Amino acid sequence: MKKKIKSILIINTGGGVGDAIQYVKLFKILNKEFQKIKIDYYSTDLNNFWFDNILKSLKPNNVNVIKDYPLHFGFRIKHFFLKKQYFRKKYDLIIDTQTKIRNTLIYKKIPHKVFLSFSARGILSNPIIFQKKQKHVQKRFVEYLENFLQKKINLETTKINVKNKYQNEANRLINNKNKYIGFSIKAGHPTRIKEFDINEIIKTAIFFKNKNYVPTFFLEEKHKKIINKITKKIPEAYFPEHKAKKEFKNPALVIALGKKMKFNISINNGVMHMLALSERKIFCFFDENSEKFKPIAKDALIYDCQKLNKKINLLKSKEIIKFITNNTKL
């Protein structure tokens, strides 16, 4: 069966860039396990098409982003009655990564040989693969694939290598004579409480500056108010992406820069997943949902505010620093 799999459809109903970037490792795993395959990727990302835009530098050549499915495909009852054109192409394998039964029944109308679904714990898969509920997006993908292939897959040690040109640009931006610590502090959804108090993270950065590290911030230039506040308090703060050449300003450079840090500190956002791919130690501070979205990486340490009955925006610098210094040697 494995040798007969040549065409694969992945259905991802997570809409943000952070949801999408989790599939970078999964693409690599599929390309390792199956030979000469073509992968179609669909995401309900409000037509942002991340892998043809922001994440293009991380997309394998054999991945095609589907753009002609209707908006919110699978989430509307009317999609049961769509024209045949949406259910014409046949796939050897469809991997439906969401868990809504209605959506799955719609996606199953797409012609296929094998259909792996997380809905109803695998009962809607074809063939049926019953499995315990796994919250983590990447882990459940891998566990169902392991069940189908009847072999173990090591997600944690799956490495992503960026092209040399991005690593060369990172080498240009980072002086090896200095020591750097990376900070990612902005959430993609400003309506959710996912961020540190800016004054406390500045105090944290000052602590490490006084330990002879360069506080390095992964912040887009549009966040001028925060950038100005940081530079006023920490003139030595560094924003390497702002000095990068235009053609390199994308997530592949963030991964390359992450490799140059002593370690990275991040909240739950898209940049966290980029930095986790750098294989450097990363301290991730989650407000909630750590069991669903935490990085699966060897050196990822999770501060789970929900389990500790704390609020991320109320964390003091002493608590942030204590968690880090207790888990690494400065």
Protein backbone atom coordinates (compact mmCIF):
# COMPACT_ATOMS: atom_id res chain seq x y z
CA MET A 1 0.00 0.00 0.00
CA LYS A 2 2.79 2.43 0.93
CA LYS A 3 4.39 2.19 -2.54
CA LYS A 4 1.05 2.94 -4.18
CA ILE A 5 0.67 6.29 -2.40
CA LYS A 6 1.61 8.96 -4.96
CA SER A 7 -0.96 11.72 -4.37
CA ILE A 8 -1.80 13.13 -0.94
CA LEU A 9 -4.29 15.76 0.20
CA ILE A 10 -3.77 17.42 3.58
CA ILE A 11 -6.73 19.29 5.08
CA ASN A 12 -5.80 21.82 7.76
CA THR A 13 -8.62 23.89 9.22
CA GLY A 14 -6.36 26.07 11.38
CA GLY A 15 -6.27 29.56 9.92
CA GLY A 16 -3.22 31.37 11.31
CA VAL A 17 0.38 31.37 10.15
CA GLY A 18 1.28 29.55 13.38
CA ASP A 19 -1.17 26.78 12.49
CA ALA A 20 0.35 26.51 9.03
CA ILE A 21 4.01 26.46 10.00
CA GLN A 22 3.43 23.31 12.09
CA TYR A 23 3.08 21.46 8.78
CA VAL A 24 6.68 22.17 7.72
CA LYS A 25 7.93 19.15 9.67
CA LEU A 26 4.95 17.09 8.58
CA PHE A 27 5.70 17.74 4.90
CA LYS A 28 9.24 16.50 5.50
CA ILE A 29 7.99 13.35 7.22
CA LEU A 30 5.63 12.57 4.32
CA ASN A 31 8.43 13.05 1.81
CA LYS A 32 10.64 10.72 3.83
CA GLU A 33 8.03 7.98 4.20
CA PHE A 34 6.62 8.07 0.67
CA GLN A 35 8.56 8.23 -2.58
CA LYS A 36 7.90 10.62 -5.48
CA ILE A 37 4.67 11.98 -4.09
CA LYS A 38 2.66 15.09 -4.87
CA ILE A 39 1.04 16.86 -1.95
CA ASP A 40 -2.00 19.14 -2.18
CA TYR A 41 -2.47 21.32 0.90
CA TYR A 42 -5.74 23.01 1.83
CA SER A 43 -6.25 25.35 4.77
CA THR A 44 -9.22 27.45 5.88
CA ASP A 45 -6.97 30.48 6.26
CA LEU A 46 -9.32 33.13 4.85
CA ASN A 47 -7.47 32.94 1.53
CA ASN A 48 -4.16 34.01 3.03
CA PHE A 49 -2.49 31.01 1.35
CA TRP A 50 0.45 31.19 3.74
CA PHE A 51 2.62 28.64 1.91
CA ASP A 52 2.41 30.65 -1.28
CA ASN A 53 3.18 33.89 0.57
CA ILE A 54 4.87 34.34 3.96
CA LEU A 55 5.91 30.68 4.26
CA LYS A 56 6.91 30.16 0.64
CA SER A 57 10.59 29.77 1.54
CA LEU A 58 9.69 26.74 3.72
CA LYS A 59 7.42 24.97 1.22
CA PRO A 60 8.80 21.82 -0.46
CA ASN A 61 8.73 21.84 -4.27
CA ASN A 62 6.16 19.03 -4.41
CA VAL A 63 3.56 20.87 -2.30
CA ASN A 64 0.70 22.62 -4.09
CA VAL A 65 -1.60 25.04 -2.23
CA ILE A 66 -5.27 24.54 -3.13
CA LYS A 67 -6.94 27.86 -3.85
CA ASP A 68 -10.18 26.95 -5.60
CA TYR A 69 -12.14 25.38 -2.75
CA PRO A 70 -14.93 27.67 -1.48
CA LEU A 71 -14.27 29.83 1.58
CA HIS A 72 -14.60 27.86 4.85
CA PHE A 73 -14.85 24.66 2.85
CA GLY A 74 -16.42 21.94 5.02
CA PHE A 75 -17.80 24.31 7.65
CA ARG A 76 -21.10 24.99 5.89
CA ILE A 77 -23.98 22.52 5.38
CA LYS A 78 -24.39 23.83 1.82
CA HIS A 79 -21.00 22.31 0.99
CA PHE A 80 -22.66 18.87 0.99
CA PHE A 81 -24.33 19.98 -2.22
CA LEU A 82 -21.39 21.54 -4.06
CA LYS A 83 -20.93 20.88 -7.75
CA LYS A 84 -18.95 17.80 -8.76
CA GLN A 85 -15.95 19.92 -9.77
CA TYR A 86 -14.89 20.11 -6.11
CA PHE A 87 -15.02 16.33 -5.77
CA ARG A 88 -13.43 15.36 -9.07
CA LYS A 89 -9.76 14.77 -8.31
CA LYS A 90 -8.96 11.41 -6.71
CA TYR A 91 -6.23 11.04 -4.09
CA ASP A 92 -4.36 7.97 -2.93
CA LEU A 93 -4.34 9.38 0.60
CA ILE A 94 -6.33 12.14 2.32
CA ILE A 95 -5.29 13.27 5.79
CA ASP A 96 -8.10 15.24 7.45
CA THR A 97 -6.49 16.88 10.49
CA GLN A 98 -9.59 18.45 12.06
CA THR A 99 -12.15 16.79 14.35
CA LYS A 100 -15.62 18.06 13.35
CA ILE A 101 -17.75 15.14 12.13
CA ARG A 102 -19.82 17.26 9.72
CA ASN A 103 -16.69 18.60 8.05
CA THR A 104 -15.24 15.11 7.75
CA LEU A 105 -18.36 13.77 6.05
CA ILE A 106 -18.03 16.55 3.47
CA TYR A 107 -14.31 15.92 2.93
CA LYS A 108 -14.96 12.19 2.52
CA LYS A 109 -16.88 13.02 -0.65
CA ILE A 110 -13.51 13.80 -2.27
CA PRO A 111 -12.52 10.57 -4.12
CA HIS A 112 -9.79 8.64 -2.32
CA LYS A 113 -8.22 5.25 -1.67
CA VAL A 114 -7.23 5.90 1.95
CA PHE A 115 -8.82 8.49 4.25
CA LEU A 116 -7.26 9.24 7.64
CA SER A 117 -9.46 11.30 9.92
CA PHE A 118 -9.22 12.44 13.53
CA SER A 119 -13.00 12.81 13.82
CA ALA A 120 -14.74 10.42 16.23
CA ARG A 121 -11.32 9.03 17.18
CA GLY A 122 -10.73 7.52 13.77
CA ILE A 123 -14.04 5.75 13.22
CA LEU A 124 -14.61 7.81 10.07
CA SER A 125 -11.24 6.81 8.62
CA ASN A 126 -11.06 4.47 5.67
CA PRO A 127 -9.86 1.94 6.66
CA ILE A 128 -11.06 2.51 10.23
CA ILE A 129 -8.18 3.34 12.57
CA PHE A 130 -9.43 3.71 16.14
CA GLN A 131 -7.10 5.76 18.32
CA LYS A 132 -7.16 7.55 21.65
CA LYS A 133 -7.78 11.28 21.48
CA GLN A 134 -4.57 13.25 21.01
CA LYS A 135 -4.83 17.00 21.58
CA HIS A 136 -1.58 18.06 19.94
CA VAL A 137 -1.99 18.84 16.24
CA GLN A 138 1.38 17.48 15.08
CA LYS A 139 1.37 14.47 17.38
CA ARG A 140 -2.03 13.23 16.27
CA PHE A 141 -1.00 13.61 12.62
CA VAL A 142 2.09 11.49 13.27
CA GLU A 143 0.29 8.93 15.46
CA TYR A 144 -2.31 8.23 12.79
CA LEU A 145 0.42 7.99 10.16
CA GLU A 146 2.34 5.57 12.42
CA ASN A 147 -0.79 3.46 12.76
CA PHE A 148 -1.29 3.41 9.01
CA LEU A 149 2.36 2.63 8.20
CA GLN A 150 2.84 0.32 11.19
CA LYS A 151 6.11 1.98 12.20
CA LYS A 152 7.42 4.61 14.63
CA ILE A 153 8.18 8.14 13.43
CA ASN A 154 10.33 10.50 15.48
CA LEU A 155 8.78 13.95 15.17
CA GLU A 156 11.06 15.51 17.77
CA THR A 157 14.28 14.77 15.85
CA THR A 158 12.93 15.71 12.42
CA LYS A 159 15.18 18.60 11.36
CA ILE A 160 14.44 21.48 9.01
CA ASN A 161 17.39 22.99 7.17
CA VAL A 162 17.00 26.40 5.54
CA LYS A 163 18.84 27.30 2.35
CA ASN A 164 22.43 28.49 2.70
CA LYS A 165 21.58 32.00 1.55
CA TYR A 166 19.46 32.55 4.68
CA GLN A 167 22.14 31.20 6.98
CA ASN A 168 24.69 33.43 5.24
CA GLU A 169 22.48 36.46 5.83
CA ALA A 170 22.10 35.48 9.48
CA ASN A 171 25.89 35.20 9.73
CA ARG A 172 26.17 38.72 8.32
CA LEU A 173 23.69 40.10 10.84
CA ILE A 174 25.01 38.35 13.93
CA ASN A 175 28.51 39.01 15.27
CA ASN A 176 29.95 35.76 16.60
CA LYS A 177 32.02 37.74 19.12
CA ASN A 178 28.82 38.61 21.02
CA LYS A 179 26.24 36.47 22.84
CA TYR A 180 22.58 36.85 21.89
CA ILE A 181 19.21 35.93 23.41
CA GLY A 182 16.10 36.03 21.23
CA PHE A 183 12.72 37.45 22.28
CA SER A 184 9.37 36.99 20.50
CA ILE A 185 6.71 38.96 22.36
CA LYS A 186 3.86 39.90 19.98
CA ALA A 187 0.73 37.78 19.49
CA GLY A 188 -0.96 37.40 16.13
CA HIS A 189 -4.41 37.90 17.68
CA PRO A 190 -4.47 41.12 19.74
CA THR A 191 -7.91 40.26 21.12
CA ARG A 192 -6.48 37.34 23.11
CA ILE A 193 -4.42 37.66 26.26
CA LYS A 194 -1.24 35.92 25.07
CA GLU A 195 1.45 38.54 25.68
CA PHE A 196 3.80 39.50 28.50
CA ASP A 197 3.45 42.88 30.15
CA ILE A 198 5.94 44.91 28.08
CA ASN A 199 7.50 46.48 31.20
CA GLU A 200 8.21 43.04 32.69
CA ILE A 201 9.78 41.70 29.51
CA ILE A 202 11.97 44.82 29.31
CA LYS A 203 13.13 44.11 32.88
CA THR A 204 13.84 40.53 31.79
CA ALA A 205 15.86 41.72 28.80
CA ILE A 206 17.83 44.13 31.03
CA PHE A 207 18.69 41.23 33.36
CA PHE A 208 20.25 39.29 30.49
CA LYS A 209 21.94 42.42 29.10
CA ASN A 210 23.65 42.76 32.46
CA LYS A 211 24.87 39.20 31.99
CA ASN A 212 26.61 40.35 28.79
CA TYR A 213 23.97 39.09 26.35
CA VAL A 214 22.52 41.15 23.51
CA PRO A 215 18.70 41.22 23.84
CA THR A 216 17.53 40.41 20.31
CA PHE A 217 13.91 41.03 19.37
CA PHE A 218 11.96 39.35 16.57
CA LEU A 219 9.51 42.19 15.96
CA GLU A 220 8.12 43.51 12.71
CA GLU A 221 8.92 47.15 11.98
CA LYS A 222 5.21 48.04 12.12
CA HIS A 223 5.28 47.70 15.93
CA LYS A 224 6.91 51.12 16.25
CA LYS A 225 5.43 52.03 19.63
CA ILE A 226 6.79 48.90 21.32
CA ILE A 227 10.13 49.13 19.49
CA ASN A 228 10.57 52.73 20.63
CA LYS A 229 9.75 51.79 24.21
CA ILE A 230 12.29 48.95 24.17
CA THR A 231 15.09 51.03 22.62
CA LYS A 232 14.46 53.87 25.07
CA LYS A 233 14.97 51.51 28.03
CA ILE A 234 17.58 49.28 26.33
CA PRO A 235 19.69 51.18 23.77
CA GLU A 236 21.64 47.95 23.13
CA ALA A 237 18.50 46.04 22.02
CA TYR A 238 18.94 44.53 18.58
CA PHE A 239 16.35 44.01 15.82
CA PRO A 240 18.25 42.00 13.17
CA GLU A 241 15.35 41.59 10.74
CA HIS A 242 15.18 45.38 10.37
CA LYS A 243 18.74 45.33 9.00
CA ALA A 244 18.22 42.34 6.72
CA LYS A 245 18.16 42.69 2.96
CA LYS A 246 14.60 42.80 1.65
CA GLU A 247 14.80 39.52 -0.27
CA PHE A 248 15.63 37.65 2.95
CA LYS A 249 12.87 39.03 5.16
CA ASN A 250 10.82 35.87 5.69
CA PRO A 251 10.48 32.97 8.18
CA ALA A 252 13.52 31.10 6.80
CA LEU A 253 15.69 33.98 8.03
CA VAL A 254 14.02 33.86 11.46
CA ILE A 255 14.95 30.17 11.72
CA ALA A 256 18.52 30.95 10.65
CA LEU A 257 18.75 33.80 13.16
CA GLY A 258 17.28 31.58 15.87
CA LYS A 259 20.20 29.21 15.37
CA LYS A 260 22.59 32.06 16.27
CA MET A 261 20.97 32.72 19.67
CA LYS A 262 22.13 31.24 22.98
CA PHE A 263 18.44 30.49 23.51
CA ASN A 264 15.06 32.00 22.61
CA ILE A 265 12.12 33.22 24.70
CA SER A 266 8.66 33.32 23.15
CA ILE A 267 4.96 33.50 23.76
CA ASN A 268 2.51 31.32 21.82
CA ASN A 269 2.68 32.77 18.31
CA GLY A 270 3.86 31.96 14.79
CA VAL A 271 7.42 33.11 15.47
CA MET A 272 7.61 30.59 18.32
CA HIS A 273 7.18 27.77 15.80
CA MET A 274 9.85 29.29 13.55
CA LEU A 275 12.32 29.58 16.43
CA ALA A 276 11.53 26.02 17.52
CA LEU A 277 12.67 24.84 14.07
CA SER A 278 16.07 26.44 14.72
CA GLU A 279 16.97 23.60 17.12
CA ARG A 280 18.10 26.07 19.75
CA LYS A 281 16.73 25.87 23.28
CA ILE A 282 13.45 27.76 23.45
CA PHE A 283 11.42 28.83 26.48
CA CYS A 284 7.73 28.99 25.53
CA PHE A 285 5.24 30.83 27.74
CA PHE A 286 1.67 29.71 27.09
CA ASP A 287 -1.47 31.34 28.37
CA GLU A 288 -3.45 28.21 27.43
CA ASN A 289 -3.61 25.39 24.85
CA SER A 290 -0.02 24.27 25.39
CA GLU A 291 -1.09 20.63 24.99
CA LYS A 292 -2.40 21.47 21.53
CA PHE A 293 0.24 23.81 20.10
CA LYS A 294 3.51 23.49 22.05
CA PRO A 295 6.60 22.91 19.88
CA ILE A 296 7.67 19.30 19.58
CA ALA A 297 11.40 19.90 19.80
CA LYS A 298 14.19 18.44 21.90
CA ASP A 299 14.99 21.68 23.70
CA ALA A 300 11.54 23.25 24.05
CA LEU A 301 10.65 24.08 27.65
CA ILE A 302 7.05 25.04 28.38
CA TYR A 303 5.77 27.44 31.04
CA ASP A 304 2.07 26.60 31.19
CA CYS A 305 0.21 29.48 32.83
CA GLN A 306 -3.08 27.60 32.75
CA LYS A 307 -1.70 24.65 34.75
CA LEU A 308 0.07 26.99 37.16
CA ASN A 309 -3.09 29.07 37.60
CA LYS A 310 -1.39 32.25 36.40
CA LYS A 311 -2.02 34.89 33.73
CA ILE A 312 0.76 35.54 31.24
CA ASN A 313 0.12 39.30 31.23
CA LEU A 314 0.53 39.33 35.03
CA LEU A 315 3.83 37.43 35.13
CA LYS A 316 6.63 39.36 36.79
CA SER A 317 10.14 39.47 35.39
CA LYS A 318 11.38 37.53 38.42
CA GLU A 319 9.12 34.61 37.53
CA ILE A 320 10.19 34.66 33.88
CA ILE A 321 13.87 34.85 34.77
CA LYS A 322 13.59 32.13 37.42
CA PHE A 323 12.04 29.66 34.96
CA ILE A 324 14.80 30.33 32.45
CA THR A 325 17.78 30.35 34.81
CA ASN A 326 16.57 27.18 36.55
CA ASN A 327 16.61 25.40 33.19
CA THR A 328 19.78 26.61 31.50
CA LYS A 329 23.37 27.53 32.24
CA LEU A 330 24.18 31.17 31.48
